């Protein structure tokens, strides 16, 4: 299919930009504590998705284990923003695509109006 107006290409670019955010795997943050004996995984919007405790971590006194778990969870949550998609960049890209689509649509509409006027002149309609 031909695309003289470029609209199909612009729509494909828009879809591709949206798919890049949608299809990306959910960002995962990881935090470690107690010299690696504790590992925590978190996902947006701040949900703990997994905790791995090395059996040696269970030998820690309860208060220390709790403090180390807290540290690992906080580290995993702090790791999340590093993996977030660049929504500001995507927004700028979509605004650019919108601007180009608007320009292309104006050109396309103008060409249709010119063609309509030419056909009317050929038919003897004074429009």
N, C-alpha and C. Protein backbone atom coordinates (compact mmCIF):
# COMPACT_ATOMS: atom_id res chain seq x y z
N UNK A 1 0.85 -1.17 0.00
CA UNK A 1 0.00 0.00 0.00
C UNK A 1 0.90 1.24 0.00
N UNK A 2 0.58 2.18 -0.86
CA UNK A 2 1.37 3.41 -0.90
C UNK A 2 0.93 4.33 0.22
N UNK A 3 1.81 5.24 0.58
CA UNK A 3 1.55 6.17 1.68
C UNK A 3 2.05 7.56 1.30
N UNK A 4 1.44 8.16 0.26
CA UNK A 4 1.96 9.44 -0.21
C UNK A 4 1.88 10.54 0.83
N UNK A 5 0.92 10.48 1.71
CA UNK A 5 0.79 11.55 2.71
C UNK A 5 1.72 11.34 3.90
N UNK A 6 2.25 10.13 4.06
CA UNK A 6 3.11 9.84 5.20
C UNK A 6 2.36 9.54 6.48
N UNK A 7 1.02 9.54 6.42
CA UNK A 7 0.24 9.31 7.63
C UNK A 7 0.42 7.90 8.18
N UNK A 8 0.48 6.92 7.30
CA UNK A 8 0.66 5.54 7.78
C UNK A 8 1.99 5.38 8.50
N UNK A 9 3.03 6.03 7.96
CA UNK A 9 4.34 5.96 8.61
C UNK A 9 4.28 6.61 9.99
N UNK A 10 3.60 7.78 10.08
CA UNK A 10 3.49 8.46 11.37
C UNK A 10 2.70 7.62 12.38
N UNK A 11 1.64 6.97 11.90
CA UNK A 11 0.88 6.10 12.80
C UNK A 11 1.73 4.92 13.26
N UNK A 12 2.53 4.38 12.37
CA UNK A 12 3.42 3.27 12.74
C UNK A 12 4.44 3.72 13.77
N UNK A 13 4.98 4.94 13.60
CA UNK A 13 5.94 5.46 14.58
C UNK A 13 5.29 5.64 15.95
N UNK A 14 4.06 6.14 15.95
CA UNK A 14 3.34 6.33 17.21
C UNK A 14 3.11 5.00 17.90
N UNK A 15 2.64 4.03 17.15
CA UNK A 15 2.39 2.70 17.71
C UNK A 15 3.67 2.10 18.25
N UNK A 16 4.75 2.25 17.52
CA UNK A 16 6.04 1.72 17.95
C UNK A 16 6.49 2.37 19.25
N UNK A 17 6.31 3.69 19.36
CA UNK A 17 6.71 4.40 20.57
C UNK A 17 5.90 3.92 21.77
N UNK A 18 4.61 3.74 21.58
CA UNK A 18 3.77 3.25 22.68
C UNK A 18 4.11 1.82 23.04
N UNK A 19 4.35 0.98 22.04
CA UNK A 19 4.70 -0.41 22.30
C UNK A 19 6.01 -0.53 23.06
N UNK A 20 6.93 0.40 22.82
CA UNK A 20 8.22 0.32 23.50
C UNK A 20 8.05 0.46 25.01
N UNK A 21 7.03 1.20 25.43
CA UNK A 21 6.77 1.34 26.86
C UNK A 21 5.93 0.18 27.36
N UNK A 22 4.90 -0.17 26.59
CA UNK A 22 3.98 -1.22 27.02
C UNK A 22 4.62 -2.59 27.06
N UNK A 23 5.41 -2.92 26.05
CA UNK A 23 5.93 -4.28 25.94
C UNK A 23 7.19 -4.50 26.77
N UNK A 24 7.78 -3.42 27.24
CA UNK A 24 8.97 -3.58 28.07
C UNK A 24 8.63 -4.34 29.34
N UNK A 25 9.57 -5.12 29.78
CA UNK A 25 9.32 -5.85 31.02
C UNK A 25 9.18 -4.85 32.15
N UNK A 26 8.39 -5.22 33.12
CA UNK A 26 8.22 -4.34 34.27
C UNK A 26 9.56 -4.12 34.94
N UNK A 27 9.83 -2.87 35.28
CA UNK A 27 11.10 -2.60 35.95
C UNK A 27 11.19 -3.36 37.27
N UNK A 28 12.36 -3.87 37.56
CA UNK A 28 12.59 -4.61 38.80
C UNK A 28 13.76 -3.97 39.52
N UNK A 29 13.58 -3.73 40.81
CA UNK A 29 14.67 -3.22 41.63
C UNK A 29 15.17 -4.35 42.51
N UNK A 30 16.45 -4.37 42.77
CA UNK A 30 17.04 -5.42 43.61
C UNK A 30 17.88 -4.78 44.69
N UNK A 31 17.74 -5.29 45.89
CA UNK A 31 18.54 -4.80 47.01
C UNK A 31 19.12 -5.96 47.79
N UNK A 32 20.32 -5.75 48.31
CA UNK A 32 21.00 -6.79 49.08
C UNK A 32 21.36 -6.24 50.45
N UNK A 33 21.47 -7.13 51.42
CA UNK A 33 21.90 -6.74 52.77
C UNK A 33 22.57 -7.94 53.42
N UNK A 34 23.14 -7.69 54.58
CA UNK A 34 23.81 -8.73 55.37
C UNK A 34 24.86 -9.44 54.52
N UNK A 35 25.68 -8.64 53.86
CA UNK A 35 26.76 -9.19 53.02
C UNK A 35 26.25 -10.18 51.98
N UNK A 36 25.08 -9.89 51.40
CA UNK A 36 24.53 -10.73 50.35
C UNK A 36 23.70 -11.90 50.83
N UNK A 37 23.55 -12.04 52.14
CA UNK A 37 22.74 -13.15 52.66
C UNK A 37 21.25 -12.91 52.42
N UNK A 38 20.88 -11.65 52.22
CA UNK A 38 19.48 -11.28 51.99
C UNK A 38 19.39 -10.56 50.65
N UNK A 39 18.45 -11.01 49.81
CA UNK A 39 18.19 -10.34 48.53
C UNK A 39 16.69 -10.09 48.43
N UNK A 40 16.35 -8.88 48.00
CA UNK A 40 14.94 -8.50 47.85
C UNK A 40 14.74 -7.96 46.44
N UNK A 41 13.63 -8.36 45.83
CA UNK A 41 13.25 -7.85 44.50
C UNK A 41 11.96 -7.08 44.65
N UNK A 42 11.87 -5.93 43.96
CA UNK A 42 10.68 -5.08 44.02
C UNK A 42 10.29 -4.66 42.61
N UNK A 43 9.00 -4.36 42.45
CA UNK A 43 8.47 -3.89 41.16
C UNK A 43 7.63 -2.65 41.41
N UNK A 44 7.41 -1.90 40.34
CA UNK A 44 6.55 -0.72 40.44
C UNK A 44 5.14 -1.15 40.75
N UNK A 45 4.41 -0.42 41.53
CA UNK A 45 4.70 0.91 42.05
C UNK A 45 5.32 0.91 43.44
N UNK A 46 6.07 -0.09 43.78
CA UNK A 46 6.70 -0.16 45.10
C UNK A 46 6.26 -1.42 45.83
N UNK A 47 6.21 -2.51 45.09
CA UNK A 47 5.73 -3.79 45.61
C UNK A 47 6.90 -4.75 45.72
N UNK A 48 7.03 -5.40 46.86
CA UNK A 48 8.07 -6.42 47.03
C UNK A 48 7.59 -7.68 46.31
N UNK A 49 8.41 -8.18 45.39
CA UNK A 49 8.02 -9.35 44.60
C UNK A 49 8.75 -10.62 45.02
N UNK A 50 9.78 -10.47 45.82
CA UNK A 50 10.49 -11.66 46.27
C UNK A 50 11.55 -11.34 47.31
N UNK A 51 11.74 -12.29 48.20
CA UNK A 51 12.78 -12.18 49.23
C UNK A 51 13.52 -13.51 49.25
N UNK A 52 14.85 -13.43 49.18
CA UNK A 52 15.66 -14.65 49.28
C UNK A 52 16.53 -14.51 50.52
N UNK A 53 16.41 -15.48 51.39
CA UNK A 53 17.23 -15.51 52.61
C UNK A 53 18.17 -16.70 52.55
N UNK A 54 19.44 -16.43 52.62
CA UNK A 54 20.40 -17.51 52.75
C UNK A 54 20.17 -18.11 54.14
N UNK A 55 20.24 -19.43 54.29
CA UNK A 55 20.01 -20.02 55.61
C UNK A 55 20.88 -19.41 56.70
N UNK A 56 22.07 -18.94 56.37
CA UNK A 56 22.95 -18.33 57.37
C UNK A 56 22.35 -17.04 57.93
N UNK A 57 21.47 -16.37 57.16
CA UNK A 57 20.84 -15.14 57.64
C UNK A 57 19.95 -15.41 58.84
N UNK A 58 19.44 -16.63 58.93
CA UNK A 58 18.55 -16.98 60.04
C UNK A 58 19.30 -17.10 61.36
N UNK A 59 20.63 -17.13 61.30
CA UNK A 59 21.44 -17.17 62.53
C UNK A 59 21.59 -15.78 63.15
N UNK A 60 21.19 -14.73 62.42
CA UNK A 60 21.29 -13.37 62.96
C UNK A 60 20.28 -13.19 64.08
N UNK A 61 20.61 -12.35 65.06
CA UNK A 61 19.62 -12.03 66.10
C UNK A 61 18.39 -11.40 65.43
N UNK A 62 17.20 -11.64 65.96
CA UNK A 62 15.97 -11.14 65.33
C UNK A 62 16.00 -9.64 65.01
N UNK A 63 16.48 -8.81 65.91
CA UNK A 63 16.50 -7.36 65.66
C UNK A 63 17.44 -7.03 64.49
N UNK A 64 18.57 -7.72 64.43
CA UNK A 64 19.51 -7.48 63.34
C UNK A 64 18.95 -7.98 62.01
N UNK A 65 18.29 -9.15 62.04
CA UNK A 65 17.66 -9.68 60.83
C UNK A 65 16.60 -8.71 60.31
N UNK A 66 15.79 -8.17 61.22
CA UNK A 66 14.76 -7.20 60.83
C UNK A 66 15.39 -5.96 60.21
N UNK A 67 16.46 -5.47 60.81
CA UNK A 67 17.14 -4.28 60.29
C UNK A 67 17.74 -4.55 58.91
N UNK A 68 18.33 -5.72 58.73
CA UNK A 68 18.92 -6.08 57.44
C UNK A 68 17.84 -6.26 56.36
N UNK A 69 16.72 -6.87 56.74
CA UNK A 69 15.60 -7.01 55.80
C UNK A 69 15.09 -5.64 55.37
N UNK A 70 14.95 -4.74 56.34
CA UNK A 70 14.50 -3.38 56.04
C UNK A 70 15.47 -2.70 55.08
N UNK A 71 16.76 -2.87 55.33
CA UNK A 71 17.78 -2.26 54.46
C UNK A 71 17.69 -2.83 53.05
N UNK A 72 17.49 -4.14 52.93
CA UNK A 72 17.41 -4.77 51.60
C UNK A 72 16.16 -4.31 50.85
N UNK A 73 15.04 -4.21 51.56
CA UNK A 73 13.79 -3.73 50.93
C UNK A 73 13.97 -2.30 50.45
N UNK A 74 14.52 -1.45 51.30
CA UNK A 74 14.73 -0.05 50.91
C UNK A 74 15.69 0.07 49.73
N UNK A 75 16.71 -0.76 49.70
CA UNK A 75 17.65 -0.74 48.58
C UNK A 75 16.96 -1.17 47.28
N UNK A 76 16.09 -2.18 47.36
CA UNK A 76 15.36 -2.64 46.17
C UNK A 76 14.42 -1.56 45.67
N UNK A 77 13.72 -0.90 46.58
CA UNK A 77 12.81 0.17 46.17
C UNK A 77 13.58 1.36 45.59
N UNK A 78 14.73 1.66 46.16
CA UNK A 78 15.56 2.76 45.65
C UNK A 78 16.12 2.43 44.27
N UNK A 79 16.27 1.16 43.98
CA UNK A 79 16.81 0.72 42.69
C UNK A 79 15.78 0.86 41.56
N UNK A 80 14.50 0.95 41.89
CA UNK A 80 13.45 1.01 40.87
C UNK A 80 13.55 2.20 39.92
N UNK A 81 13.71 3.43 40.38
CA UNK A 81 13.70 4.56 39.45
C UNK A 81 14.76 4.46 38.36
N UNK A 82 15.84 3.78 38.63
CA UNK A 82 16.89 3.63 37.63
C UNK A 82 16.36 2.90 36.40
N UNK A 83 15.38 2.03 36.59
CA UNK A 83 14.88 1.20 35.50
C UNK A 83 13.58 1.71 34.88
N UNK A 84 13.03 2.84 35.34
CA UNK A 84 11.77 3.32 34.81
C UNK A 84 11.93 3.78 33.37
N UNK A 85 10.89 3.58 32.55
CA UNK A 85 10.95 4.07 31.18
C UNK A 85 11.02 5.59 31.16
N UNK A 86 11.64 6.14 30.15
CA UNK A 86 11.77 7.59 30.01
C UNK A 86 10.48 8.16 29.44
N UNK A 87 9.50 8.40 30.34
CA UNK A 87 8.20 8.88 29.89
C UNK A 87 8.29 10.30 29.36
N UNK A 88 9.18 11.12 29.90
CA UNK A 88 9.34 12.48 29.39
C UNK A 88 9.85 12.43 27.95
N UNK A 89 10.80 11.56 27.70
CA UNK A 89 11.32 11.41 26.33
C UNK A 89 10.25 10.89 25.38
N UNK A 90 9.45 9.94 25.87
CA UNK A 90 8.38 9.41 25.04
C UNK A 90 7.36 10.50 24.74
N UNK A 91 7.05 11.31 25.75
CA UNK A 91 6.10 12.41 25.55
C UNK A 91 6.60 13.38 24.49
N UNK A 92 7.87 13.71 24.53
CA UNK A 92 8.45 14.62 23.53
C UNK A 92 8.39 13.99 22.14
N UNK A 93 8.68 12.69 22.08
CA UNK A 93 8.64 12.00 20.79
C UNK A 93 7.22 11.98 20.23
N UNK A 94 6.23 11.73 21.10
CA UNK A 94 4.85 11.70 20.64
C UNK A 94 4.37 13.09 20.22
N UNK A 95 4.82 14.15 20.92
CA UNK A 95 4.46 15.51 20.50
C UNK A 95 5.04 15.82 19.12
N UNK A 96 6.26 15.37 18.88
CA UNK A 96 6.88 15.57 17.57
C UNK A 96 6.09 14.83 16.49
N UNK A 97 5.71 13.59 16.77
CA UNK A 97 4.93 12.81 15.81
C UNK A 97 3.59 13.49 15.56
N UNK A 98 2.96 13.99 16.63
CA UNK A 98 1.68 14.68 16.48
C UNK A 98 1.83 15.91 15.59
N UNK A 99 2.88 16.66 15.81
CA UNK A 99 3.12 17.87 15.01
C UNK A 99 3.31 17.52 13.54
N UNK A 100 4.12 16.48 13.28
CA UNK A 100 4.34 16.07 11.89
C UNK A 100 3.06 15.52 11.27
N UNK A 101 2.26 14.79 12.06
CA UNK A 101 1.00 14.25 11.54
C UNK A 101 0.05 15.39 11.19
N UNK A 102 0.01 16.40 12.04
CA UNK A 102 -0.86 17.55 11.78
C UNK A 102 -0.46 18.24 10.48
N UNK A 103 0.82 18.41 10.30
CA UNK A 103 1.33 19.04 9.07
C UNK A 103 0.99 18.19 7.85
N UNK A 104 1.20 16.89 7.96
CA UNK A 104 0.90 15.98 6.85
C UNK A 104 -0.59 15.98 6.53
N UNK A 105 -1.43 16.01 7.58
CA UNK A 105 -2.87 16.01 7.37
C UNK A 105 -3.31 17.30 6.69
N UNK A 106 -2.71 18.42 7.05
CA UNK A 106 -3.03 19.70 6.40
C UNK A 106 -2.67 19.64 4.92
N UNK A 107 -1.49 19.10 4.60
CA UNK A 107 -1.09 18.97 3.20
C UNK A 107 -2.04 18.04 2.44
N UNK A 108 -2.42 16.95 3.08
CA UNK A 108 -3.32 15.98 2.46
C UNK A 108 -4.68 16.62 2.19
N UNK A 109 -5.21 17.35 3.17
CA UNK A 109 -6.50 18.02 3.02
C UNK A 109 -6.44 19.07 1.92
N UNK A 110 -5.37 19.82 1.89
CA UNK A 110 -5.19 20.84 0.85
C UNK A 110 -5.15 20.20 -0.53
N UNK A 111 -4.45 19.09 -0.65
CA UNK A 111 -4.38 18.39 -1.94
C UNK A 111 -5.76 17.88 -2.36
N UNK A 112 -6.54 17.39 -1.41
CA UNK A 112 -7.90 16.93 -1.73
C UNK A 112 -8.77 18.09 -2.21
N UNK A 113 -8.67 19.23 -1.53
CA UNK A 113 -9.46 20.40 -1.93
C UNK A 113 -9.04 20.89 -3.32
N UNK A 114 -7.74 20.88 -3.59
CA UNK A 114 -7.26 21.28 -4.92
C UNK A 114 -7.79 20.32 -5.99
N UNK A 115 -7.77 19.03 -5.69
CA UNK A 115 -8.27 18.03 -6.65
C UNK A 115 -9.76 18.21 -6.88
N UNK A 116 -10.50 18.49 -5.81
CA UNK A 116 -11.94 18.71 -5.93
C UNK A 116 -12.22 19.94 -6.81
N UNK A 117 -11.47 21.01 -6.59
CA UNK A 117 -11.65 22.23 -7.38
C UNK A 117 -11.32 21.97 -8.85
N UNK A 118 -10.25 21.21 -9.10
CA UNK A 118 -9.87 20.90 -10.48
C UNK A 118 -10.95 20.07 -11.18
N UNK A 119 -11.51 19.10 -10.46
CA UNK A 119 -12.58 18.29 -11.04
C UNK A 119 -13.81 19.13 -11.32
N UNK A 120 -14.12 20.05 -10.42
CA UNK A 120 -15.28 20.92 -10.61
C UNK A 120 -15.08 21.82 -11.83
N UNK A 121 -13.86 22.33 -12.02
CA UNK A 121 -13.57 23.17 -13.19
C UNK A 121 -13.73 22.37 -14.49
N UNK A 122 -13.25 21.15 -14.47
CA UNK A 122 -13.37 20.30 -15.67
C UNK A 122 -14.83 20.02 -16.01
N UNK A 123 -15.64 19.88 -14.97
CA UNK A 123 -17.05 19.57 -15.18
C UNK A 123 -17.86 20.82 -15.53
N UNK A 124 -17.20 21.97 -15.52
CA UNK A 124 -17.89 23.21 -15.86
C UNK A 124 -18.56 23.87 -14.68
N UNK A 125 -18.33 23.35 -13.48
CA UNK A 125 -18.89 23.95 -12.26
C UNK A 125 -18.00 25.14 -11.88
N UNK A 126 -18.56 26.33 -11.71
CA UNK A 126 -17.74 27.51 -11.46
C UNK A 126 -17.15 27.61 -10.05
N UNK A 127 -17.23 26.62 -9.24
CA UNK A 127 -16.74 26.69 -7.85
C UNK A 127 -15.35 27.14 -7.80
